[in-house]
Protein backbone atom coordinates (compact mmCIF):
# COMPACT_ATOMS: atom_id res chain seq x y z
CA MET A 1 0.00 0.00 0.00
CA ALA A 2 1.31 3.45 -0.89
CA ALA A 3 2.35 5.67 2.00
CA LEU A 4 -0.36 7.97 3.31
CA GLY A 5 0.23 11.67 3.85
CA ALA A 6 1.10 14.75 1.81
CA LYS A 7 3.98 14.89 -0.65
CA ILE A 8 6.50 17.52 0.47
CA TYR A 9 8.27 19.50 -2.26
CA LEU A 10 11.56 20.97 -1.08
CA HIS A 11 15.09 22.06 -1.88
CA PRO A 12 17.56 19.18 -2.39
CA LEU A 13 19.62 20.41 0.59
CA GLY A 14 16.62 19.97 2.88
CA GLU A 15 15.76 16.36 2.13
CA LYS A 16 18.07 14.70 4.64
CA HIS A 17 17.04 17.14 7.37
CA LEU A 18 13.31 16.54 6.97
CA HIS A 19 13.90 12.79 6.91
CA GLU A 20 16.18 12.91 9.95
CA PRO A 21 15.50 16.25 11.71
CA THR A 22 17.92 16.02 14.65
CA LYS A 23 20.43 18.49 13.21
CA LEU A 24 17.65 20.82 12.08
CA TYR A 25 16.09 20.71 15.53
CA GLU A 26 19.37 21.48 17.29
CA SER A 27 20.07 24.33 14.89
CA ALA A 28 16.67 25.82 15.68
CA ARG A 29 17.38 25.36 19.38
CA ARG A 30 20.28 27.80 19.04
CA ILE A 31 17.68 30.43 18.13
CA TYR A 32 14.81 29.53 20.45
CA GLN A 33 16.97 28.14 23.29
CA ASP A 34 14.96 27.04 26.32
CA LYS A 35 11.69 27.90 24.54
CA MET A 36 12.27 25.34 21.78
CA ASP A 37 10.36 22.42 23.28
CA GLU A 38 7.53 24.64 24.53
CA LEU A 39 7.06 26.29 21.13
CA TRP A 40 7.48 23.35 18.78
CA GLY A 41 7.24 20.11 20.73
CA LYS A 42 8.62 16.87 19.33
CA MET A 43 9.95 16.92 15.77
CA GLU A 44 9.59 13.67 13.83
CA GLY A 45 11.09 12.72 10.50
CA ILE A 46 9.16 12.43 7.25
CA ALA A 47 9.42 9.25 5.17
CA LEU A 48 11.62 9.59 2.09
CA SER A 49 8.75 8.26 -0.01
CA GLN A 50 6.85 11.51 0.73
CA LEU A 51 9.72 13.91 -0.07
CA ARG A 52 10.15 15.40 -3.55
CA THR A 53 13.21 17.55 -4.20
CA VAL A 54 12.94 20.26 -6.85
CA ASP A 55 15.64 22.04 -8.82
CA HIS A 56 15.57 25.74 -9.62
CA GLU A 57 12.70 26.54 -12.03
CA THR A 58 11.16 23.07 -11.73
CA VAL A 59 7.45 23.26 -12.57
CA ILE A 60 5.02 21.17 -10.54
CA THR A 61 1.65 20.52 -12.19
CA ILE A 62 -1.37 19.83 -10.00
CA GLY A 63 -4.50 19.59 -12.15
CA ASP A 64 -4.63 22.83 -14.15
CA LEU A 65 -2.28 24.59 -11.73
CA GLN A 66 1.42 25.08 -12.49
CA ILE A 67 3.77 25.99 -9.64
CA ARG A 68 7.34 27.06 -10.40
CA ALA A 69 10.11 26.65 -7.83
CA LEU A 70 12.58 29.52 -7.52
CA HIS A 71 15.72 28.79 -5.52
CA THR A 72 16.27 31.96 -3.51
CA PRO A 73 19.14 31.64 -1.01
CA GLY A 74 20.27 34.45 1.26
CA HIS A 75 17.96 34.07 4.22
CA ALA A 76 18.69 30.33 4.12
CA ILE A 77 20.66 28.21 1.67
CA HIS A 78 17.70 25.88 1.10
CA HIS A 79 15.10 28.62 0.57
CA ILE A 80 12.51 28.36 -2.22
CA ALA A 81 9.98 30.93 -3.40
CA TRP A 82 6.98 29.60 -5.34
CA GLN A 83 5.49 31.25 -8.42
CA ILE A 84 1.93 30.68 -9.63
CA GLY A 85 1.16 32.76 -12.71
CA ASP A 86 2.11 36.34 -11.92
CA VAL A 87 2.04 35.78 -8.16
CA ILE A 88 5.05 34.77 -6.05
CA PHE A 89 4.89 33.44 -2.51
CA THR A 90 8.24 34.70 -1.29
CA GLY A 91 8.81 33.08 2.08
CA ASP A 92 11.25 34.87 4.39
CA VAL A 93 13.53 36.06 1.58
CA GLY A 94 10.78 38.60 0.84
CA GLY A 95 11.16 40.19 4.26
CA VAL A 96 8.73 41.14 7.02
CA LYS A 97 6.12 43.87 6.62
CA ILE A 98 3.18 44.63 8.94
CA ASN A 99 0.14 46.63 7.84
CA ASN A 100 2.04 47.82 4.76
CA GLY A 101 4.68 49.50 6.93
CA LEU A 102 8.45 49.35 6.51
CA VAL A 103 9.82 46.09 5.15
CA VAL A 104 12.62 44.62 7.29
CA ALA A 105 15.01 41.73 6.70
CA PRO A 106 14.90 38.70 9.05
CA CYS A 107 18.52 37.63 9.59
CA PRO A 108 18.68 34.73 12.07
CA PRO A 109 21.57 32.26 11.96
CA PRO A 110 22.95 30.12 10.49
CA ASP A 111 22.72 30.84 6.74
CA ILE A 112 22.42 34.61 6.27
CA HIS A 113 24.42 35.60 3.19
CA ILE A 114 24.04 39.17 1.98
CA GLU A 115 25.28 38.76 -1.60
CA ASP A 116 23.14 35.66 -2.16
CA TRP A 117 20.13 37.51 -0.77
CA GLN A 118 20.75 40.40 -3.15
CA ALA A 119 20.93 37.95 -6.06
CA SER A 120 17.64 36.41 -4.95
CA ILE A 121 16.02 39.84 -4.79
CA ARG A 122 17.19 40.51 -8.36
CA LEU A 123 15.79 37.15 -9.47
CA LEU A 124 12.40 37.88 -7.93
CA LYS A 125 12.33 41.40 -9.38
CA ASP A 126 13.22 40.06 -12.84
CA ALA A 127 10.34 37.58 -12.61
CA ALA A 128 8.13 40.73 -12.63
CA PRO A 129 5.27 39.38 -10.53
CA GLY A 130 2.05 41.37 -10.40
CA LYS A 131 2.01 40.85 -6.66
CA ILE A 132 3.77 38.88 -3.96
CA TYR A 133 2.64 37.27 -0.74
CA LEU A 134 4.87 37.45 2.32
CA THR A 135 4.89 34.78 4.99
CA HIS A 136 5.08 37.70 7.46
CA PHE A 137 2.58 39.07 6.41
CA GLY A 138 0.27 39.24 3.43
CA GLU A 139 -0.13 40.80 0.01
CA VAL A 140 2.20 43.34 -1.59
CA ILE A 141 1.22 45.03 -4.87
CA ASP A 142 4.00 47.62 -5.23
CA VAL A 143 6.48 44.84 -5.78
CA GLN A 144 9.51 46.63 -7.22
CA ALA A 145 9.48 49.32 -4.53
CA HIS A 146 9.12 46.62 -1.88
CA PHE A 147 12.21 44.75 -3.06
CA GLU A 148 14.25 47.95 -3.36
CA GLN A 149 13.34 48.89 0.20
CA LEU A 150 14.12 45.37 1.41
CA GLU A 151 17.59 45.41 -0.14
CA ASN A 152 18.32 48.82 1.35
CA ARG A 153 17.24 47.66 4.82
CA LEU A 154 19.27 44.47 4.49
CA LEU A 155 22.41 46.41 3.59
CA ASP A 156 21.83 49.00 6.31
CA CYS A 157 21.55 46.31 8.98
CA ALA A 158 24.56 44.40 7.69
CA ASN A 159 26.72 47.53 7.52
CA TRP A 160 25.59 48.58 11.01
CA MET A 161 26.75 45.23 12.36
CA LYS A 162 30.11 45.06 10.56
CA PRO A 163 32.21 47.22 12.92
CA TYR A 164 30.81 45.38 15.95
CA SER A 165 31.87 42.09 14.42
CA LEU A 166 35.36 43.42 13.72
CA SER A 167 35.71 44.78 17.26
CA GLY A 168 34.80 41.45 18.84
CA GLU A 169 32.17 43.00 21.09
CA SER A 170 29.96 40.46 22.84
CA VAL A 171 26.47 39.51 21.70
CA GLU A 172 25.16 40.58 25.10
CA THR A 173 26.36 44.16 24.64
CA ILE A 174 25.52 44.41 20.92
CA THR A 175 21.93 43.17 21.21
CA PRO A 176 20.37 46.12 23.09
CA LYS A 177 22.18 48.55 20.78
CA PHE A 178 20.89 46.77 17.69
CA THR A 179 17.37 46.57 19.14
CA ALA A 180 17.43 50.32 19.74
CA TYR A 181 18.75 50.92 16.21
CA VAL A 182 15.93 48.84 14.67
CA ALA A 183 13.27 50.62 16.74
CA SER A 184 14.72 54.00 15.77
CA THR A 185 14.63 53.01 12.09
CA LEU A 186 10.98 52.00 12.36
CA ARG A 187 10.08 55.25 14.11
CA ASP A 188 11.92 57.25 11.44
CA ALA A 189 9.77 55.45 8.85
CA GLY A 190 6.64 56.69 10.62
CA ILE A 191 5.87 53.63 12.74
CA THR A 192 5.43 55.26 16.13
CA ASP A 193 2.56 53.29 17.64
CA ALA A 194 3.87 51.17 20.51
CA LEU A 195 1.74 48.18 19.51
CA GLU A 196 2.99 48.28 15.93
CA LEU A 197 6.60 48.44 17.14
CA GLU A 198 5.94 45.46 19.38
CA LYS A 199 4.44 43.51 16.47
CA TYR A 200 7.56 44.11 14.38
CA GLU A 201 9.81 42.99 17.22
CA LYS A 202 7.79 39.81 17.73
CA ALA A 203 7.64 39.01 14.01
CA ASN A 204 11.35 39.67 13.51
CA PRO A 205 13.15 39.59 16.89
CA SER A 206 16.21 41.83 16.82
CA TRP A 207 18.31 39.44 18.92
CA MET A 208 18.00 36.75 16.25
CA SER A 209 19.42 39.04 13.60
CA VAL A 210 22.38 39.89 15.83
CA GLY A 211 23.46 36.25 15.80
CA GLY A 212 22.92 35.83 12.08
CA LEU A 213 24.70 39.00 10.98
CA LEU A 214 27.65 38.46 13.31
CA ARG A 215 28.06 34.97 11.90
CA TYR A 216 27.93 36.33 8.34
CA TRP A 217 30.68 38.86 9.01
CA SER A 218 32.82 36.39 10.96
CA LYS A 219 32.85 34.04 7.96
CA LYS A 220 34.00 36.86 5.68
CA GLN A 221 36.95 37.87 7.84
CA PRO A 222 40.34 36.52 6.69
CA VAL A 223 41.73 33.65 8.78
């Protein structure tokens, strides 16, 4: 009898981790720490018979629907955005935007790579979608302006972090400074409501980006 359950379409680099998720789980634990078990519970593997890896620009046909896979690293090496007609579901590489406010770049460890992310932004812009859907959160119609703002925010955050990485300052001392910088940036963009600022911080916690951006810069420094 064929295996029951959904077929999971994913990046080739993700197959082994979804089948045997121990390494994935421990990597996530570095982000969520003692909240990991409370938030996510037990993580079980998925049978290989249910996993389908897709290459860049693979088209999956389901009835009359065609779904195109776009490999879009930068936020994560195994990231895929999905295109259906002139709509793209971007995942986290499309950034975080709340109530059509400022778009910000989520940069948690371990795979943040600025140049790859910029290349993915160019790829998504060149696909010229009529609109995109963000995982966090919702529909964006002014697509080109969104991606330009996202790239600018990504570079601003990365460049802010660079001297701290070079100085070897501790995560504990950098984090409140970066959190204040992010909040100041949001306020400068006109997001002054305390609840809206809190929503941004919960959707894209500043402390996560500290770890990701420091790791990015540490890997670029000469040995």
